[in-house]
Amino acid sequence: MITFITAFKPFDVTYLPIQRSALFSYKANGIPVIAADTEGDAKEYCTRFPNVTLLKGIRTAKDLGYNNCAPILKDLIVEALKGVKTPLVGLINSDILIPMDF
């Protein structure tokens, strides 16, 4: 079993379909997912996926003076590893679909 750590892009018209499809593929495979709760609408879309844990308090690029909410990956990984209960863990883009025979 593996746990995925990911960082969502905004769930807007550009990224919503593929990120939602990826979430369904993770759920169908029973893969736990840990992500930063940095995008305003992530909670709205992830509540229907009980395998997804959203972490609050992860620093973002905005905290470093940039104009977006991308999480600082080091902070995300350090915090996410505290909640991993599987022998394997992987960092994955939020738009990668996993086949059913994964």
PDB file of N, CA and C in Angstrom:
ATOM      1  N   MET A   1       0.849  -1.190   0.000  1.00  0.00           N
ATOM      2  CA  MET A   1       0.000   0.000   0.000  1.00  0.00           C
ATOM      3  C   MET A   1       0.882   1.236   0.000  1.00  0.00           C
ATOM      4  N   ILE A   2       0.404   2.290  -0.642  1.00  0.00           N
ATOM      5  CA  ILE A   2       1.142   3.542  -0.771  1.00  0.00           C
ATOM      6  C   ILE A   2       0.241   4.713  -0.382  1.00  0.00           C
ATOM      7  N   THR A   3       0.839   5.763   0.134  1.00  0.00           N
ATOM      8  CA  THR A   3       0.153   7.030   0.386  1.00  0.00           C
ATOM      9  C   THR A   3       0.726   8.050  -0.583  1.00  0.00           C
ATOM     10  N   PHE A   4      -0.154   8.843  -1.192  1.00  0.00           N
ATOM     11  CA  PHE A   4       0.297   9.917  -2.072  1.00  0.00           C
ATOM     12  C   PHE A   4       0.253  11.243  -1.333  1.00  0.00           C
ATOM     13  N   ILE A   5       1.284  12.040  -1.539  1.00  0.00           N
ATOM     14  CA  ILE A   5       1.303  13.430  -1.088  1.00  0.00           C
ATOM     15  C   ILE A   5       1.183  14.272  -2.348  1.00  0.00           C
ATOM     16  N   THR A   6       0.287  15.256  -2.331  1.00  0.00           N
ATOM     17  CA  THR A   6       0.091  16.084  -3.513  1.00  0.00           C
ATOM     18  C   THR A   6      -0.244  17.517  -3.135  1.00  0.00           C
ATOM     19  N   ALA A   7      -0.174  18.378  -4.108  1.00  0.00           N
ATOM     20  CA  ALA A   7      -0.538  19.789  -3.945  1.00  0.00           C
ATOM     21  C   ALA A   7      -1.497  20.137  -5.081  1.00  0.00           C
ATOM     22  N   PHE A   8      -2.705  20.506  -4.717  1.00  0.00           N
ATOM     23  CA  PHE A   8      -3.699  20.828  -5.733  1.00  0.00           C
ATOM     24  C   PHE A   8      -3.460  22.193  -6.346  1.00  0.00           C
ATOM     25  N   LYS A   9      -3.833  22.280  -7.618  1.00  0.00           N
ATOM     26  CA  LYS A   9      -3.930  23.576  -8.282  1.00  0.00           C
ATOM     27  C   LYS A   9      -5.337  24.083  -7.986  1.00  0.00           C
ATOM     28  N   PRO A  10      -5.637  25.354  -8.297  1.00  0.00           N
ATOM     29  CA  PRO A  10      -7.015  25.821  -8.059  1.00  0.00           C
ATOM     30  C   PRO A  10      -8.014  24.923  -8.798  1.00  0.00           C
ATOM     31  N   PHE A  11      -9.133  24.651  -8.167  1.00  0.00           N
ATOM     32  CA  PHE A  11     -10.167  23.823  -8.783  1.00  0.00           C
ATOM     33  C   PHE A  11     -11.045  24.703  -9.674  1.00  0.00           C
ATOM     34  N   ASP A  12     -10.427  25.274 -10.693  1.00  0.00           N
ATOM     35  CA  ASP A  12     -11.189  26.121 -11.620  1.00  0.00           C
ATOM     36  C   ASP A  12     -11.465  25.336 -12.898  1.00  0.00           C
ATOM     37  N   VAL A  13     -12.026  25.989 -13.869  1.00  0.00           N
ATOM     38  CA  VAL A  13     -12.436  25.330 -15.098  1.00  0.00           C
ATOM     39  C   VAL A  13     -11.265  24.636 -15.802  1.00  0.00           C
ATOM     40  N   THR A  14     -10.050  25.143 -15.609  1.00  0.00           N
ATOM     41  CA  THR A  14      -8.875  24.555 -16.258  1.00  0.00           C
ATOM     42  C   THR A  14      -8.474  23.237 -15.613  1.00  0.00           C
ATOM     43  N   TYR A  15      -8.418  23.202 -14.286  1.00  0.00           N
ATOM     44  CA  TYR A  15      -7.874  22.037 -13.585  1.00  0.00           C
ATOM     45  C   TYR A  15      -8.923  21.124 -12.956  1.00  0.00           C
ATOM     46  N   LEU A  16     -10.142  21.594 -12.781  1.00  0.00           N
ATOM     47  CA  LEU A  16     -11.167  20.808 -12.086  1.00  0.00           C
ATOM     48  C   LEU A  16     -11.385  19.428 -12.701  1.00  0.00           C
ATOM     49  N   PRO A  17     -11.625  19.308 -14.003  1.00  0.00           N
ATOM     50  CA  PRO A  17     -11.935  17.966 -14.538  1.00  0.00           C
ATOM     51  C   PRO A  17     -10.819  16.946 -14.315  1.00  0.00           C
ATOM     52  N   ILE A  18      -9.588  17.324 -14.570  1.00  0.00           N
ATOM     53  CA  ILE A  18      -8.499  16.354 -14.447  1.00  0.00           C
ATOM     54  C   ILE A  18      -8.179  16.056 -12.984  1.00  0.00           C
ATOM     55  N   GLN A  19      -8.217  17.064 -12.111  1.00  0.00           N
ATOM     56  CA  GLN A  19      -7.946  16.798 -10.692  1.00  0.00           C
ATOM     57  C   GLN A  19      -9.053  15.948 -10.085  1.00  0.00           C
ATOM     58  N   ARG A  20     -10.300  16.210 -10.477  1.00  0.00           N
ATOM     59  CA  ARG A  20     -11.404  15.400  -9.965  1.00  0.00           C
ATOM     60  C   ARG A  20     -11.278  13.963 -10.463  1.00  0.00           C
ATOM     61  N   SER A  21     -10.898  13.783 -11.718  1.00  0.00           N
ATOM     62  CA  SER A  21     -10.691  12.432 -12.252  1.00  0.00           C
ATOM     63  C   SER A  21      -9.560  11.727 -11.510  1.00  0.00           C
ATOM     64  N   ALA A  22      -8.489  12.452 -11.220  1.00  0.00           N
ATOM     65  CA  ALA A  22      -7.384  11.857 -10.466  1.00  0.00           C
ATOM     66  C   ALA A  22      -7.854  11.436  -9.073  1.00  0.00           C
ATOM     67  N   LEU A  23      -8.634  12.291  -8.413  1.00  0.00           N
ATOM     68  CA  LEU A  23      -9.160  11.954  -7.083  1.00  0.00           C
ATOM     69  C   LEU A  23     -10.003  10.683  -7.133  1.00  0.00           C
ATOM     70  N   PHE A  24     -10.850  10.549  -8.162  1.00  0.00           N
ATOM     71  CA  PHE A  24     -11.649   9.335  -8.301  1.00  0.00           C
ATOM     72  C   PHE A  24     -10.750   8.114  -8.503  1.00  0.00           C
ATOM     73  N   SER A  25      -9.652   8.268  -9.264  1.00  0.00           N
ATOM     74  CA  SER A  25      -8.763   7.126  -9.496  1.00  0.00           C
ATOM     75  C   SER A  25      -8.035   6.721  -8.214  1.00  0.00           C
ATOM     76  N   TYR A  26      -7.667   7.694  -7.372  1.00  0.00           N
ATOM     77  CA  TYR A  26      -7.027   7.366  -6.099  1.00  0.00           C
ATOM     78  C   TYR A  26      -8.025   6.655  -5.184  1.00  0.00           C
ATOM     79  N   LYS A  27      -9.255   7.171  -5.147  1.00  0.00           N
ATOM     80  CA  LYS A  27     -10.289   6.558  -4.301  1.00  0.00           C
ATOM     81  C   LYS A  27     -10.584   5.135  -4.762  1.00  0.00           C
ATOM     82  N   ALA A  28     -10.708   4.941  -6.061  1.00  0.00           N
ATOM     83  CA  ALA A  28     -11.028   3.616  -6.600  1.00  0.00           C
ATOM     84  C   ALA A  28      -9.938   2.596  -6.257  1.00  0.00           C
ATOM     85  N   ASN A  29      -8.710   3.051  -6.136  1.00  0.00           N
ATOM     86  CA  ASN A  29      -7.599   2.169  -5.797  1.00  0.00           C
ATOM     87  C   ASN A  29      -7.343   2.088  -4.296  1.00  0.00           C
ATOM     88  N   GLY A  30      -8.115   2.825  -3.503  1.00  0.00           N
ATOM     89  CA  GLY A  30      -7.949   2.801  -2.049  1.00  0.00           C
ATOM     90  C   GLY A  30      -6.662   3.462  -1.572  1.00  0.00           C
ATOM     91  N   ILE A  31      -6.194   4.438  -2.330  1.00  0.00           N
ATOM     92  CA  ILE A  31      -4.930   5.103  -1.996  1.00  0.00           C
ATOM     93  C   ILE A  31      -5.193   6.309  -1.095  1.00  0.00           C
ATOM     94  N   PRO A  32      -4.609   6.331   0.100  1.00  0.00           N
ATOM     95  CA  PRO A  32      -4.727   7.519   0.941  1.00  0.00           C
ATOM     96  C   PRO A  32      -3.953   8.677   0.302  1.00  0.00           C
ATOM     97  N   VAL A  33      -4.512   9.873   0.419  1.00  0.00           N
ATOM     98  CA  VAL A  33      -3.900  11.072  -0.151  1.00  0.00           C
ATOM     99  C   VAL A  33      -3.793  12.133   0.942  1.00  0.00           C
ATOM    100  N   ILE A  34      -2.633  12.765   1.015  1.00  0.00           N
ATOM    101  CA  ILE A  34      -2.431  13.878   1.943  1.00  0.00           C
ATOM    102  C   ILE A  34      -2.050  15.087   1.095  1.00  0.00           C
ATOM    103  N   ALA A  35      -2.758  16.196   1.299  1.00  0.00           N
ATOM    104  CA  ALA A  35      -2.513  17.398   0.502  1.00  0.00           C
ATOM    105  C   ALA A  35      -2.596  18.634   1.390  1.00  0.00           C
ATOM    106  N   ALA A  36      -2.002  19.702   0.913  1.00  0.00           N
ATOM    107  CA  ALA A  36      -2.084  20.983   1.621  1.00  0.00           C
ATOM    108  C   ALA A  36      -3.446  21.610   1.361  1.00  0.00           C
ATOM    109  N   ASP A  37      -4.016  22.184   2.392  1.00  0.00           N
ATOM    110  CA  ASP A  37      -5.295  22.894   2.260  1.00  0.00           C
ATOM    111  C   ASP A  37      -4.994  24.368   1.983  1.00  0.00           C
ATOM    112  N   THR A  38      -4.353  24.620   0.834  1.00  0.00           N
ATOM    113  CA  THR A  38      -3.948  25.984   0.502  1.00  0.00           C
ATOM    114  C   THR A  38      -4.801  26.607  -0.593  1.00  0.00           C
ATOM    115  N   GLU A  39      -5.491  25.799  -1.360  1.00  0.00           N
ATOM    116  CA  GLU A  39      -6.383  26.330  -2.395  1.00  0.00           C
ATOM    117  C   GLU A  39      -7.761  26.498  -1.787  1.00  0.00           C
ATOM    118  N   GLY A  40      -8.367  27.650  -1.977  1.00  0.00           N
ATOM    119  CA  GLY A  40      -9.622  27.997  -1.325  1.00  0.00           C
ATOM    120  C   GLY A  40     -10.738  27.001  -1.492  1.00  0.00           C
ATOM    121  N   ASP A  41     -10.798  26.335  -2.638  1.00  0.00           N
ATOM    122  CA  ASP A  41     -11.911  25.432  -2.892  1.00  0.00           C
ATOM    123  C   ASP A  41     -11.535  23.954  -2.767  1.00  0.00           C
ATOM    124  N   ALA A  42     -10.331  23.647  -2.304  1.00  0.00           N
ATOM    125  CA  ALA A  42      -9.911  22.253  -2.173  1.00  0.00           C
ATOM    126  C   ALA A  42     -10.815  21.492  -1.217  1.00  0.00           C
ATOM    127  N   LYS A  43     -11.156  22.113  -0.098  1.00  0.00           N
ATOM    128  CA  LYS A  43     -11.997  21.436   0.898  1.00  0.00           C
ATOM    129  C   LYS A  43     -13.353  21.065   0.295  1.00  0.00           C
ATOM    130  N   GLU A  44     -13.922  21.993  -0.480  1.00  0.00           N
ATOM    131  CA  GLU A  44     -15.225  21.746  -1.115  1.00  0.00           C
ATOM    132  C   GLU A  44     -15.182  20.501  -1.999  1.00  0.00           C
ATOM    133  N   TYR A  45     -14.127  20.327  -2.772  1.00  0.00           N
ATOM    134  CA  TYR A  45     -14.053  19.200  -3.694  1.00  0.00           C
ATOM    135  C   TYR A  45     -13.554  17.921  -3.037  1.00  0.00           C
ATOM    136  N   CYS A  46     -12.781  18.038  -1.976  1.00  0.00           N
ATOM    137  CA  CYS A  46     -12.199  16.856  -1.355  1.00  0.00           C
ATOM    138  C   CYS A  46     -13.085  16.218  -0.288  1.00  0.00           C
ATOM    139  N   THR A  47     -14.124  16.907   0.163  1.00  0.00           N
ATOM    140  CA  THR A  47     -14.977  16.341   1.208  1.00  0.00           C
ATOM    141  C   THR A  47     -15.668  15.052   0.763  1.00  0.00           C
ATOM    142  N   ARG A  48     -15.869  14.882  -0.521  1.00  0.00           N
ATOM    143  CA  ARG A  48     -16.514  13.641  -0.991  1.00  0.00           C
ATOM    144  C   ARG A  48     -15.530  12.492  -1.194  1.00  0.00           C
ATOM    145  N   PHE A  49     -14.278  12.731  -0.828  1.00  0.00           N
ATOM    146  CA  PHE A  49     -13.239  11.712  -0.943  1.00  0.00           C
ATOM    147  C   PHE A  49     -12.666  11.434   0.451  1.00  0.00           C
ATOM    148  N   PRO A  50     -13.208  10.424   1.147  1.00  0.00           N
ATOM    149  CA  PRO A  50     -12.761  10.160   2.518  1.00  0.00           C
ATOM    150  C   PRO A  50     -11.297   9.724   2.608  1.00  0.00           C
ATOM    151  N   ASN A  51     -10.694   9.370   1.508  1.00  0.00           N
ATOM    152  CA  ASN A  51      -9.286   8.968   1.500  1.00  0.00           C
ATOM    153  C   ASN A  51      -8.342  10.172   1.463  1.00  0.00           C
ATOM    154  N   VAL A  52      -8.881  11.405   1.362  1.00  0.00           N
ATOM    155  CA  VAL A  52      -8.051  12.611   1.270  1.00  0.00           C
ATOM    156  C   VAL A  52      -8.014  13.327   2.615  1.00  0.00           C
ATOM    157  N   THR A  53      -6.801  13.616   3.067  1.00  0.00           N
ATOM    158  CA  THR A  53      -6.587  14.418   4.265  1.00  0.00           C
ATOM    159  C   THR A  53      -5.967  15.740   3.831  1.00  0.00           C
ATOM    160  N   LEU A  54      -6.603  16.845   4.208  1.00  0.00           N
ATOM    161  CA  LEU A  54      -6.073  18.174   3.899  1.00  0.00           C
ATOM    162  C   LEU A  54      -5.384  18.740   5.132  1.00  0.00           C
ATOM    163  N   LEU A  55      -4.157  19.191   4.959  1.00  0.00           N
ATOM    164  CA  LEU A  55      -3.378  19.749   6.059  1.00  0.00           C
ATOM    165  C   LEU A  55      -3.464  21.266   6.053  1.00  0.00           C
ATOM    166  N   LYS A  56      -3.852  21.817   7.166  1.00  0.00           N
ATOM    167  CA  LYS A  56      -3.888  23.269   7.331  1.00  0.00           C
ATOM    168  C   LYS A  56      -2.525  23.749   7.843  1.00  0.00           C
ATOM    169  N   GLY A  57      -2.254  25.029   7.622  1.00  0.00           N
ATOM    170  CA  GLY A  57      -1.062  25.635   8.174  1.00  0.00           C
ATOM    171  C   GLY A  57       0.213  25.417   7.392  1.00  0.00           C
ATOM    172  N   ILE A  58       0.123  24.876   6.192  1.00  0.00           N
ATOM    173  CA  ILE A  58       1.313  24.695   5.360  1.00  0.00           C
ATOM    174  C   ILE A  58       1.663  26.048   4.723  1.00  0.00           C
ATOM    175  N   ARG A  59       2.917  26.465   4.860  1.00  0.00           N
ATOM    176  CA  ARG A  59       3.328  27.736   4.252  1.00  0.00           C
ATOM    177  C   ARG A  59       3.188  27.672   2.735  1.00  0.00           C
ATOM    178  N   THR A  60       2.924  28.826   2.145  1.00  0.00           N
ATOM    179  CA  THR A  60       2.758  28.911   0.697  1.00  0.00           C
ATOM    180  C   THR A  60       3.740  29.904   0.096  1.00  0.00           C
ATOM    181  N   ALA A  61       3.765  29.932  -1.221  1.00  0.00           N
ATOM    182  CA  ALA A  61       4.608  30.899  -1.933  1.00  0.00           C
ATOM    183  C   ALA A  61       4.225  32.324  -1.558  1.00  0.00           C
ATOM    184  N   LYS A  62       2.946  32.538  -1.268  1.00  0.00           N
ATOM    185  CA  LYS A  62       2.485  33.869  -0.858  1.00  0.00           C
ATOM    186  C   LYS A  62       3.187  34.304   0.431  1.00  0.00           C
ATOM    187  N   ASP A  63       3.436  33.362   1.322  1.00  0.00           N
ATOM    188  CA  ASP A  63       4.150  33.670   2.565  1.00  0.00           C
ATOM    189  C   ASP A  63       5.585  34.124   2.295  1.00  0.00           C
ATOM    190  N   LEU A  64       6.104  33.768   1.139  1.00  0.00           N
ATOM    191  CA  LEU A  64       7.465  34.147   0.760  1.00  0.00           C
ATOM    192  C   LEU A  64       7.484  35.348  -0.187  1.00  0.00           C
ATOM    193  N   GLY A  65       6.316  35.987  -0.381  1.00  0.00           N
ATOM    194  CA  GLY A  65       6.258  37.198  -1.186  1.00  0.00           C
ATOM    195  C   GLY A  65       5.816  37.003  -2.623  1.00  0.00           C
ATOM    196  N   TYR A  66       5.461  35.780  -3.010  1.00  0.00           N
ATOM    197  CA  TYR A  66       4.978  35.535  -4.369  1.00  0.00           C
ATOM    198  C   TYR A  66       3.462  35.684  -4.404  1.00  0.00           C
ATOM    199  N   ASN A  67       2.890  35.653  -5.603  1.00  0.00           N
ATOM    200  CA  ASN A  67       1.465  35.939  -5.756  1.00  0.00           C
ATOM    201  C   ASN A  67       0.641  34.682  -6.024  1.00  0.00           C
ATOM    202  N   ASN A  68       0.939  33.580  -5.352  1.00  0.00           N
ATOM    203  CA  ASN A  68       0.091  32.398  -5.506  1.00  0.00           C
ATOM    204  C   ASN A  68       0.106  31.583  -4.220  1.00  0.00           C
ATOM    205  N   CYS A  69      -0.748  30.588  -4.166  1.00  0.00           N
ATOM    206  CA  CYS A  69      -0.921  29.794  -2.948  1.00  0.00           C
ATOM    207  C   CYS A  69      -0.263  28.424  -3.035  1.00  0.00           C
ATOM    208  N   ALA A  70       0.693  28.252  -3.936  1.00  0.00           N
ATOM    209  CA  ALA A  70       1.378  26.964  -4.032  1.00  0.00           C
ATOM    210  C   ALA A  70       2.075  26.669  -2.704  1.00  0.00           C
ATOM    211  N   PRO A  71       1.891  25.460  -2.179  1.00  0.00           N
ATOM    212  CA  PRO A  71       2.513  25.142  -0.893  1.00  0.00           C
ATOM    213  C   PRO A  71       4.028  24.978  -1.027  1.00  0.00           C
ATOM    214  N   ILE A  72       4.725  25.262   0.045  1.00  0.00           N
ATOM    215  CA  ILE A  72       6.151  24.992   0.114  1.00  0.00           C
ATOM    216  C   ILE A  72       6.289  23.471   0.278  1.00  0.00           C
ATOM    217  N   LEU A  73       6.865  22.817  -0.720  1.00  0.00           N
ATOM    218  CA  LEU A  73       6.881  21.357  -0.729  1.00  0.00           C
ATOM    219  C   LEU A  73       7.575  20.755   0.482  1.00  0.00           C
ATOM    220  N   LYS A  74       8.667  21.339   0.925  1.00  0.00           N
ATOM    221  CA  LYS A  74       9.357  20.802   2.099  1.00  0.00           C
ATOM    222  C   LYS A  74       8.417  20.777   3.297  1.00  0.00           C
ATOM    223  N   ASP A  75       7.694  21.879   3.520  1.00  0.00           N
ATOM    224  CA  ASP A  75       6.748  21.940   4.641  1.00  0.00           C
ATOM    225  C   ASP A  75       5.644  20.899   4.483  1.00  0.00           C
ATOM    226  N   LEU A  76       5.113  20.771   3.270  1.00  0.00           N
ATOM    227  CA  LEU A  76       4.059  19.794   3.010  1.00  0.00           C
ATOM    228  C   LEU A  76       4.553  18.382   3.286  1.00  0.00           C
ATOM    229  N   ILE A  77       5.724  18.049   2.788  1.00  0.00           N
ATOM    230  CA  ILE A  77       6.248  16.691   2.959  1.00  0.00           C
ATOM    231  C   ILE A  77       6.530  16.388   4.432  1.00  0.00           C
ATOM    232  N   VAL A  78       7.161  17.313   5.125  1.00  0.00           N
ATOM    233  CA  VAL A  78       7.475  17.100   6.549  1.00  0.00           C
ATOM    234  C   VAL A  78       6.198  16.852   7.352  1.00  0.00           C
ATOM    235  N   GLU A  79       5.187  17.666   7.145  1.00  0.00           N
ATOM    236  CA  GLU A  79       3.924  17.509   7.891  1.00  0.00           C
ATOM    237  C   GLU A  79       3.163  16.268   7.446  1.00  0.00           C
ATOM    238  N   ALA A  80       3.146  16.005   6.145  1.00  0.00           N
ATOM    239  CA  ALA A  80       2.412  14.838   5.639  1.00  0.00           C
ATOM    240  C   ALA A  80       3.006  13.538   6.155  1.00  0.00           C
ATOM    241  N   LEU A  81       4.317  13.456   6.243  1.00  0.00           N
ATOM    242  CA  LEU A  81       4.956  12.222   6.701  1.00  0.00           C
ATOM    243  C   LEU A  81       4.554  11.858   8.128  1.00  0.00           C
ATOM    244  N   LYS A  82       4.143  12.835   8.904  1.00  0.00           N
ATOM    245  CA  LYS A  82       3.679  12.566  10.269  1.00  0.00           C
ATOM    246  C   LYS A  82       2.396  11.745  10.288  1.00  0.00           C
ATOM    247  N   GLY A  83       1.610  11.799   9.184  1.00  0.00           N
ATOM    248  CA  GLY A  83       0.341  11.092   9.146  1.00  0.00           C
ATOM    249  C   GLY A  83       0.319   9.858   8.261  1.00  0.00           C
ATOM    250  N   VAL A  84       1.454   9.501   7.698  1.00  0.00           N
ATOM    251  CA  VAL A  84       1.509   8.346   6.797  1.00  0.00           C
ATOM    252  C   VAL A  84       1.455   7.053   7.597  1.00  0.00           C
ATOM    253  N   LYS A  85       0.572   6.149   7.169  1.00  0.00           N
ATOM    254  CA  LYS A  85       0.410   4.870   7.861  1.00  0.00           C
ATOM    255  C   LYS A  85       0.708   3.691   6.942  1.00  0.00           C
ATOM    256  N   THR A  86       1.275   3.961   5.785  1.00  0.00           N
ATOM    257  CA  THR A  86       1.589   2.907   4.824  1.00  0.00           C
ATOM    258  C   THR A  86       3.113   2.769   4.707  1.00  0.00           C
ATOM    259  N   PRO A  87       3.584   1.610   4.243  1.00  0.00           N
ATOM    260  CA  PRO A  87       5.032   1.432   4.128  1.00  0.00           C
ATOM    261  C   PRO A  87       5.663   2.251   3.001  1.00  0.00           C
ATOM    262  N   LEU A  88       4.867   2.646   2.031  1.00  0.00           N
ATOM    263  CA  LEU A  88       5.372   3.434   0.909  1.00  0.00           C
ATOM    264  C   LEU A  88       4.672   4.788   0.849  1.00  0.00           C
ATOM    265  N   VAL A  89       5.405   5.791   0.373  1.00  0.00           N
ATOM    266  CA  VAL A  89       4.839   7.123   0.200  1.00  0.00           C
ATOM    267  C   VAL A  89       5.421   7.703  -1.087  1.00  0.00           C
ATOM    268  N   GLY A  90       4.596   8.452  -1.812  1.00  0.00           N
ATOM    269  CA  GLY A  90       5.073   9.069  -3.041  1.00  0.00           C
ATOM    270  C   GLY A  90       4.517  10.467  -3.207  1.00  0.00           C
ATOM    271  N   LEU A  91       5.322  11.331  -3.794  1.00  0.00           N
ATOM    272  CA  LEU A  91       4.883  12.676  -4.148  1.00  0.00           C
ATOM    273  C   LEU A  91       4.365  12.596  -5.578  1.00  0.00           C
ATOM    274  N   ILE A  92       3.124  13.045  -5.801  1.00  0.00           N
ATOM    275  CA  ILE A  92       2.500  12.904  -7.114  1.00  0.00           C
ATOM    276  C   ILE A  92       1.826  14.214  -7.510  1.00  0.00           C
ATOM    277  N   ASN A  93       1.852  14.526  -8.790  1.00  0.00           N
ATOM    278  CA  ASN A  93       1.102  15.683  -9.276  1.00  0.00           C
ATOM    279  C   ASN A  93      -0.384  15.410  -9.085  1.00  0.00           C
ATOM    280  N   SER A  94      -1.141  16.449  -8.826  1.00  0.00           N
ATOM    281  CA  SER A  94      -2.568  16.289  -8.533  1.00  0.00           C
ATOM    282  C   SER A  94      -3.399  15.953  -9.759  1.00  0.00           C
ATOM    283  N   ASP A  95      -2.784  15.881 -10.925  1.00  0.00           N
ATOM    284  CA  ASP A  95      -3.541  15.585 -12.139  1.00  0.00           C
ATOM    285  C   ASP A  95      -3.116  14.263 -12.785  1.00  0.00           C
ATOM    286  N   ILE A  96      -2.492  13.389 -12.015  1.00  0.00           N
ATOM    287  CA  ILE A  96      -2.069  12.085 -12.524  1.00  0.00           C
ATOM    288  C   ILE A  96      -3.144  11.057 -12.202  1.00  0.00           C
ATOM    289  N   LEU A  97      -3.656  10.408 -13.229  1.00  0.00           N
ATOM    290  CA  LEU A  97      -4.665   9.355 -13.048  1.00  0.00           C
ATOM    291  C   LEU A  97      -3.965   8.019 -12.839  1.00  0.00           C
ATOM    292  N   ILE A  98      -4.493   7.221 -11.925  1.00  0.00           N
ATOM    293  CA  ILE A  98      -3.934   5.911 -11.610  1.00  0.00           C
ATOM    294  C   ILE A  98      -4.863   4.833 -12.184  1.00  0.00           C
ATOM    295  N   PRO A  99      -4.322   3.895 -12.974  1.00  0.00           N
ATOM    296  CA  PRO A  99      -5.179   2.850 -13.540  1.00  0.00           C
ATOM    297  C   PRO A  99      -5.689   1.895 -12.462  1.00  0.00           C
ATOM    298  N   MET A 100      -6.778   1.234 -12.766  1.00  0.00           N
ATOM    299  CA  MET A 100      -7.405   0.324 -11.798  1.00  0.00           C
ATOM    300  C   MET A 100      -6.493  -0.843 -11.398  1.00  0.00           C
ATOM    301  N   ASP A 101      -5.543  -1.207 -12.206  1.00  0.00           N
ATOM    302  CA  ASP A 101      -4.662  -2.328 -11.863  1.00  0.00           C
ATOM    303  C   ASP A 101      -3.368  -1.853 -11.217  1.00  0.00           C
ATOM    304  N   PHE A 102      -3.383  -0.662 -10.649  1.00  0.00           N
ATOM    305  CA  PHE A 102      -2.209  -0.101  -9.984  1.00  0.00           C
ATOM    306  C   PHE A 102      -1.852  -0.958  -8.803  1.00  0.00           C
TER     307      PHE A 102
END
